[in-house]
Amino acid sequence: MLREEKITSWYQRQAQPCWRLLDGDCTKPAQDAERRNTISSYMSDNADIEEGEQLLVDTIDELQPGVYTLETYASPTGSKTRRAVSFRHSDTEAAKPNTGGAITDFIGRLREEREAALQQAREDFARQLEIHDLKRDNESLKKLISDLKSDNKELEKRASEIEAKKVAYIGQAVGAFSNMFAPAPAQAANIGAVNGSTNEEEEENEEEGEIEEDPNSDQARLTRVIAILREKEPIEWLNLLEGIARIATTNPETYNMARKFLIK
C-alpha cells in the first residue's frame, strides 16, 4: 500500500494518462466485479498526464478517509495495460507524523517504496511473460509459413515435371503425325489409284486436251495429304485432322509449342 503523498509520483512514473479511482483495495486483477466500485475516472481519448494529475489531486482531496485503489491505463480501451496500487487516505490531523517518530516515519516510507517497487516488478514480469508468449507464437507462424512455402515449391516442381512430360508426349505425337503427313514415293505413285483414277484415264484426259492440275496448288496438296491419311488411318483420318484443329482452337499454347514439329 502506497503513502497518499506518493500517489502523484507513482502516477507520473507509469506514463499512462488514463486513470480510474476505486473504493477499497482492488490491486488484484481478478478482483470481484462487485468489489470494484469506481469513484471517479479520467478516460479520455485525448488524455494528458498533467491534466490527469491535477484532476486526481482534486479528486483525492474530496475523499473520505479510507483505503482506495488507483488504476492507470495507456488508453480508454487499453485494458491489458492496467497498473494498480492501493493507498490510504486520511484527514489532515491523522496524516500528521508522530512527534519524535522520525525513524518510524523513515522506515514506513522505505516499506511503502519497497511495496511499490515490488508491485512494479510484478507488473513488469507479467508484461515480459506476455511478450514471451507473443514471440513464441510469432516463431510458430514463421515456421508454418516456411513449411507452406516449401510445400508450394514442391508442388510447383511436380507441376513443371508433369507439364514437361505432357509437352514431350505432345512432341512425340506431333512428330508421328508429321511423319504420316510426309509423302512417300510409293504412296505418291498410288495416289491416282486411291482417288479412283488410272494412268489410262490420265492419258485420255491429256489426249482430250484437258489442263493438268498444278501439283503445288492448295487443292492438290490437300488431296495428297488426305490420300495419305486415309491410307494410314482409313477410319480415324478425319478425327485425326479434327483433333489437331481442336488443339489449335482450345489450347493455343500447346499448339504453338507443337507447331514447329508440324511445319517444316
Protein backbone atom coordinates (compact mmCIF):
# COMPACT_ATOMS: atom_id res chain seq x y z
CA MET A 1 0.00 0.00 0.00
CA LEU A 2 1.45 3.37 -1.03
CA ARG A 3 1.51 6.54 1.05
CA GLU A 4 -1.05 9.07 -0.10
CA GLU A 5 1.56 11.75 -0.83
CA LYS A 6 3.36 9.31 -3.17
CA ILE A 7 0.33 8.75 -5.38
CA THR A 8 1.02 11.55 -7.85
CA SER A 9 4.66 10.48 -8.23
CA TRP A 10 3.56 6.91 -8.87
CA TYR A 11 1.01 8.12 -11.44
CA GLN A 12 3.68 10.09 -13.31
CA ARG A 13 6.09 7.12 -13.37
CA GLN A 14 3.53 4.91 -15.12
CA ALA A 15 3.39 7.31 -18.12
CA GLN A 16 -0.23 6.25 -18.68
CA PRO A 17 -2.60 9.25 -18.67
CA CYS A 18 -5.94 7.47 -18.19
CA TRP A 19 -6.90 6.51 -14.63
CA ARG A 20 -9.73 5.10 -12.54
CA LEU A 21 -10.14 5.57 -8.77
CA LEU A 22 -11.76 2.62 -6.97
CA ASP A 23 -13.10 2.17 -3.44
CA GLY A 24 -11.09 -0.30 -1.35
CA ASP A 25 -8.01 -2.41 -2.10
CA CYS A 26 -8.57 -3.69 -5.68
CA THR A 27 -4.99 -4.27 -6.74
CA LYS A 28 -5.63 -7.87 -7.78
CA PRO A 29 -6.58 -8.11 -11.50
CA ALA A 30 -9.16 -10.82 -10.77
CA GLN A 31 -10.99 -8.73 -8.15
CA ASP A 32 -14.73 -9.46 -7.99
CA ALA A 33 -16.75 -7.01 -10.06
CA GLU A 34 -18.97 -6.01 -7.11
CA ARG A 35 -15.90 -5.00 -5.12
CA ARG A 36 -14.56 -2.76 -7.89
CA ASN A 37 -16.66 0.30 -7.08
CA THR A 38 -15.46 3.20 -9.28
CA ILE A 39 -15.46 6.56 -7.52
CA SER A 40 -14.05 8.69 -10.33
CA SER A 41 -12.18 8.27 -13.61
CA TYR A 42 -10.27 10.10 -16.32
CA MET A 43 -10.62 8.02 -19.50
CA SER A 44 -10.38 10.45 -22.41
CA ASP A 45 -9.02 9.63 -25.86
CA ASN A 46 -7.00 12.86 -25.62
CA ALA A 47 -5.88 12.27 -22.04
CA ASP A 48 -2.90 14.31 -20.81
CA ILE A 49 -0.60 13.41 -17.89
CA GLU A 50 -0.59 16.90 -16.36
CA GLU A 51 -4.34 17.32 -16.70
CA GLY A 52 -4.89 13.83 -15.29
CA GLU A 53 -2.61 14.55 -12.32
CA GLN A 54 -4.43 17.75 -11.41
CA LEU A 55 -7.82 16.06 -11.64
CA LEU A 56 -6.52 13.19 -9.49
CA VAL A 57 -5.28 15.55 -6.77
CA ASP A 58 -8.60 17.42 -6.70
CA THR A 59 -10.50 14.14 -6.52
CA ILE A 60 -8.39 12.75 -3.64
CA ASP A 61 -8.88 15.96 -1.66
CA GLU A 62 -12.63 15.31 -1.67
CA LEU A 63 -12.38 11.69 -0.48
CA GLN A 64 -13.49 10.40 2.90
CA PRO A 65 -10.80 8.70 5.00
CA GLY A 66 -10.27 5.10 3.92
CA VAL A 67 -8.46 2.75 1.56
CA TYR A 68 -8.60 3.34 -2.20
CA THR A 69 -7.06 1.94 -5.38
CA LEU A 70 -5.69 3.90 -8.33
CA GLU A 71 -5.59 2.18 -11.74
CA THR A 72 -3.79 3.64 -14.77
CA TYR A 73 -4.27 2.75 -18.46
CA ALA A 74 -2.50 3.74 -21.66
CA SER A 75 -5.85 4.47 -23.31
CA PRO A 76 -9.58 4.12 -22.52
CA THR A 77 -9.61 0.74 -24.31
CA GLY A 78 -6.18 -0.49 -23.20
CA SER A 79 -7.37 -2.92 -20.53
CA LYS A 80 -4.20 -5.03 -20.87
CA THR A 81 -2.06 -2.03 -19.81
CA ARG A 82 -3.68 -1.90 -16.34
CA ARG A 83 -1.41 -0.97 -13.43
CA ALA A 84 -2.83 -0.57 -9.95
CA VAL A 85 -1.72 0.50 -6.46
CA SER A 86 -3.69 0.96 -3.24
CA PHE A 87 -3.30 3.80 -0.72
CA ARG A 88 -4.90 5.05 2.48
CA HIS A 89 -6.49 8.49 2.55
CA SER A 90 -6.62 10.21 5.95
CA ASP A 91 -7.80 13.60 7.24
CA THR A 92 -5.28 16.36 7.95
CA GLU A 93 -4.85 15.55 11.62
CA ALA A 94 -4.37 11.83 11.05
CA ALA A 95 -1.89 12.50 8.30
CA LYS A 96 0.46 14.36 10.63
CA PRO A 97 3.55 12.35 11.64
CA ASN A 98 4.01 11.36 15.27
CA THR A 99 6.29 13.66 17.20
CA GLY A 100 9.61 12.10 17.73
CA GLY A 101 8.77 9.37 15.23
CA ALA A 102 11.20 10.40 12.50
CA ILE A 103 12.84 6.98 12.40
CA THR A 104 9.50 5.20 12.35
CA ASP A 105 8.32 7.50 9.56
CA PHE A 106 11.51 6.82 7.57
CA ILE A 107 11.10 3.07 7.96
CA GLY A 108 7.46 3.38 6.91
CA ARG A 109 8.42 5.25 3.76
CA LEU A 110 11.01 2.62 2.94
CA ARG A 111 8.42 -0.12 3.30
CA GLU A 112 5.96 1.73 1.10
CA GLU A 113 8.55 2.36 -1.58
CA ARG A 114 9.60 -1.29 -1.40
CA GLU A 115 5.96 -2.37 -1.82
CA ALA A 116 5.57 -0.03 -4.78
CA ALA A 117 8.78 -1.40 -6.31
CA LEU A 118 7.57 -4.98 -5.83
CA GLN A 119 4.25 -4.11 -7.40
CA GLN A 120 6.05 -2.56 -10.36
CA ALA A 121 8.29 -5.63 -10.66
CA ARG A 122 5.26 -7.94 -10.69
CA GLU A 123 3.64 -5.88 -13.45
CA ASP A 124 6.89 -5.82 -15.47
CA PHE A 125 7.22 -9.59 -15.08
CA ALA A 126 3.64 -10.08 -16.33
CA ARG A 127 4.40 -7.92 -19.37
CA GLN A 128 7.58 -9.91 -20.08
CA LEU A 129 5.58 -13.15 -19.96
CA GLU A 130 3.09 -11.71 -22.41
CA ILE A 131 5.90 -10.60 -24.75
CA HIS A 132 7.47 -14.06 -24.49
CA ASP A 133 4.18 -15.70 -25.49
CA LEU A 134 3.81 -13.32 -28.45
CA LYS A 135 7.35 -14.09 -29.63
CA ARG A 136 6.69 -17.83 -29.33
CA ASP A 137 3.50 -17.50 -31.38
CA ASN A 138 5.40 -15.43 -33.94
CA GLU A 139 8.07 -18.14 -34.31
CA SER A 140 5.36 -20.77 -34.78
CA LEU A 141 3.78 -18.68 -37.52
CA LYS A 142 7.14 -18.19 -39.23
CA LYS A 143 7.74 -21.96 -39.21
CA LEU A 144 4.27 -22.59 -40.61
CA ILE A 145 4.86 -20.06 -43.41
CA SER A 146 8.23 -21.66 -44.18
CA ASP A 147 6.63 -25.12 -44.39
CA LEU A 148 3.90 -23.81 -46.67
CA LYS A 149 6.48 -22.19 -48.95
CA SER A 150 8.43 -25.46 -49.09
CA ASP A 151 5.26 -27.41 -49.93
CA ASN A 152 4.41 -24.84 -52.59
CA LYS A 153 7.85 -25.21 -54.20
CA GLU A 154 7.45 -28.98 -54.23
CA LEU A 155 4.04 -28.66 -55.89
CA GLU A 156 5.44 -26.24 -58.46
CA LYS A 157 8.28 -28.67 -59.19
CA ARG A 158 5.83 -31.55 -59.69
CA ALA A 159 3.62 -29.39 -61.89
CA SER A 160 6.64 -28.44 -64.01
CA GLU A 161 7.61 -32.10 -64.36
CA ILE A 162 4.07 -33.04 -65.40
CA GLU A 163 3.99 -30.17 -67.90
CA ALA A 164 7.36 -31.23 -69.32
CA LYS A 165 6.12 -34.81 -69.73
CA LYS A 166 2.96 -33.55 -71.39
CA VAL A 167 4.95 -31.42 -73.82
CA ALA A 168 7.22 -34.39 -74.56
CA TYR A 169 4.21 -36.61 -75.26
CA ILE A 170 2.70 -33.95 -77.49
CA GLY A 171 6.02 -33.58 -79.31
CA GLN A 172 6.18 -37.32 -79.89
CA ALA A 173 2.60 -37.42 -81.12
CA VAL A 174 3.10 -34.44 -83.39
CA GLY A 175 6.31 -35.98 -84.72
CA ALA A 176 4.36 -39.13 -85.56
CA PHE A 177 1.69 -37.03 -87.28
CA SER A 178 4.40 -35.17 -89.22
CA ASN A 179 5.84 -38.45 -90.46
CA MET A 180 2.41 -39.55 -91.54
CA PHE A 181 1.88 -36.31 -93.45
CA ALA A 182 5.20 -36.60 -95.35
CA PRO A 183 4.53 -38.06 -98.83
CA ALA A 184 6.49 -41.19 -99.76
CA PRO A 185 7.45 -42.12 -103.34
CA ALA A 186 5.45 -45.34 -103.20
CA GLN A 187 2.44 -43.52 -101.78
CA ALA A 188 2.66 -40.80 -104.40
CA ALA A 189 2.59 -43.45 -107.10
CA ASN A 190 -0.65 -44.85 -105.68
CA ILE A 191 -2.42 -41.53 -105.16
CA GLY A 192 -4.12 -41.79 -108.52
CA ALA A 193 -5.50 -45.23 -107.65
CA VAL A 194 -6.74 -44.03 -104.23
CA ASN A 195 -8.57 -41.14 -105.85
CA GLY A 196 -10.25 -43.59 -108.26
CA SER A 197 -8.30 -42.57 -111.42
CA THR A 198 -5.94 -44.61 -113.62
CA ASN A 199 -2.97 -43.82 -115.83
CA GLU A 200 -5.09 -44.64 -118.86
CA GLU A 201 -7.71 -42.11 -117.80
CA GLU A 202 -4.97 -39.52 -117.34
CA GLU A 203 -3.64 -40.26 -120.80
CA GLU A 204 -7.15 -39.97 -122.23
CA ASN A 205 -7.60 -36.67 -120.43
CA GLU A 206 -4.32 -35.42 -121.83
CA GLU A 207 -5.31 -36.57 -125.32
CA GLU A 208 -8.62 -34.75 -124.99
CA GLY A 209 -6.70 -31.57 -124.22
CA GLU A 210 -7.58 -31.20 -120.53
CA ILE A 211 -5.31 -28.91 -118.48
CA GLU A 212 -3.19 -30.79 -115.93
CA GLU A 213 -3.68 -29.56 -112.33
CA ASP A 214 -0.74 -27.75 -110.64
CA PRO A 215 0.80 -30.29 -108.18
CA ASN A 216 1.75 -27.44 -105.82
CA SER A 217 -1.71 -25.91 -105.63
CA ASP A 218 -3.61 -25.97 -102.31
CA GLN A 219 -6.19 -28.35 -103.75
CA ALA A 220 -3.51 -30.77 -104.98
CA ARG A 221 -1.61 -30.69 -101.68
CA LEU A 222 -4.82 -31.26 -99.69
CA THR A 223 -5.72 -34.18 -101.93
CA ARG A 224 -2.32 -35.79 -101.36
CA VAL A 225 -2.48 -35.33 -97.59
CA ILE A 226 -5.98 -36.77 -97.33
CA ALA A 227 -4.95 -39.69 -99.50
CA ILE A 228 -2.00 -40.45 -97.22
CA LEU A 229 -4.10 -40.13 -94.08
CA ARG A 230 -6.82 -42.37 -95.49
CA GLU A 231 -4.24 -44.98 -96.28
CA LYS A 232 -2.67 -44.82 -92.77
CA GLU A 233 -5.91 -44.24 -90.87
CA PRO A 234 -8.77 -45.48 -93.07
CA ILE A 235 -11.32 -44.97 -90.24
CA GLU A 236 -9.88 -42.25 -87.98
CA TRP A 237 -8.27 -39.97 -90.59
CA LEU A 238 -10.95 -37.28 -90.29
CA ASN A 239 -10.94 -37.46 -86.47
CA LEU A 240 -7.18 -37.01 -86.59
CA LEU A 241 -7.48 -33.75 -88.52
CA GLU A 242 -10.29 -32.56 -86.25
CA GLY A 243 -8.15 -33.34 -83.18
CA ILE A 244 -5.33 -31.13 -84.44
CA ALA A 245 -7.80 -28.34 -85.23
CA ARG A 246 -9.33 -28.69 -81.75
CA ILE A 247 -5.89 -28.34 -80.09
CA ALA A 248 -5.26 -25.18 -82.15
CA THR A 249 -8.63 -23.77 -81.02
CA THR A 250 -8.87 -24.80 -77.37
CA ASN A 251 -5.20 -24.91 -76.37
CA PRO A 252 -3.26 -22.36 -78.46
CA GLU A 253 -0.26 -22.54 -76.12
CA THR A 254 0.23 -26.28 -76.68
CA TYR A 255 -0.45 -25.89 -80.40
CA ASN A 256 2.15 -23.13 -80.80
CA MET A 257 4.67 -25.29 -78.96
CA ALA A 258 3.95 -28.25 -81.23
CA ARG A 259 3.69 -26.17 -84.40
CA LYS A 260 7.43 -26.38 -85.07
CA PHE A 261 7.07 -30.14 -85.41
CA LEU A 262 4.15 -29.79 -87.86
CA ILE A 263 5.50 -27.11 -90.12
CA LYS A 264 8.92 -27.79 -91.60
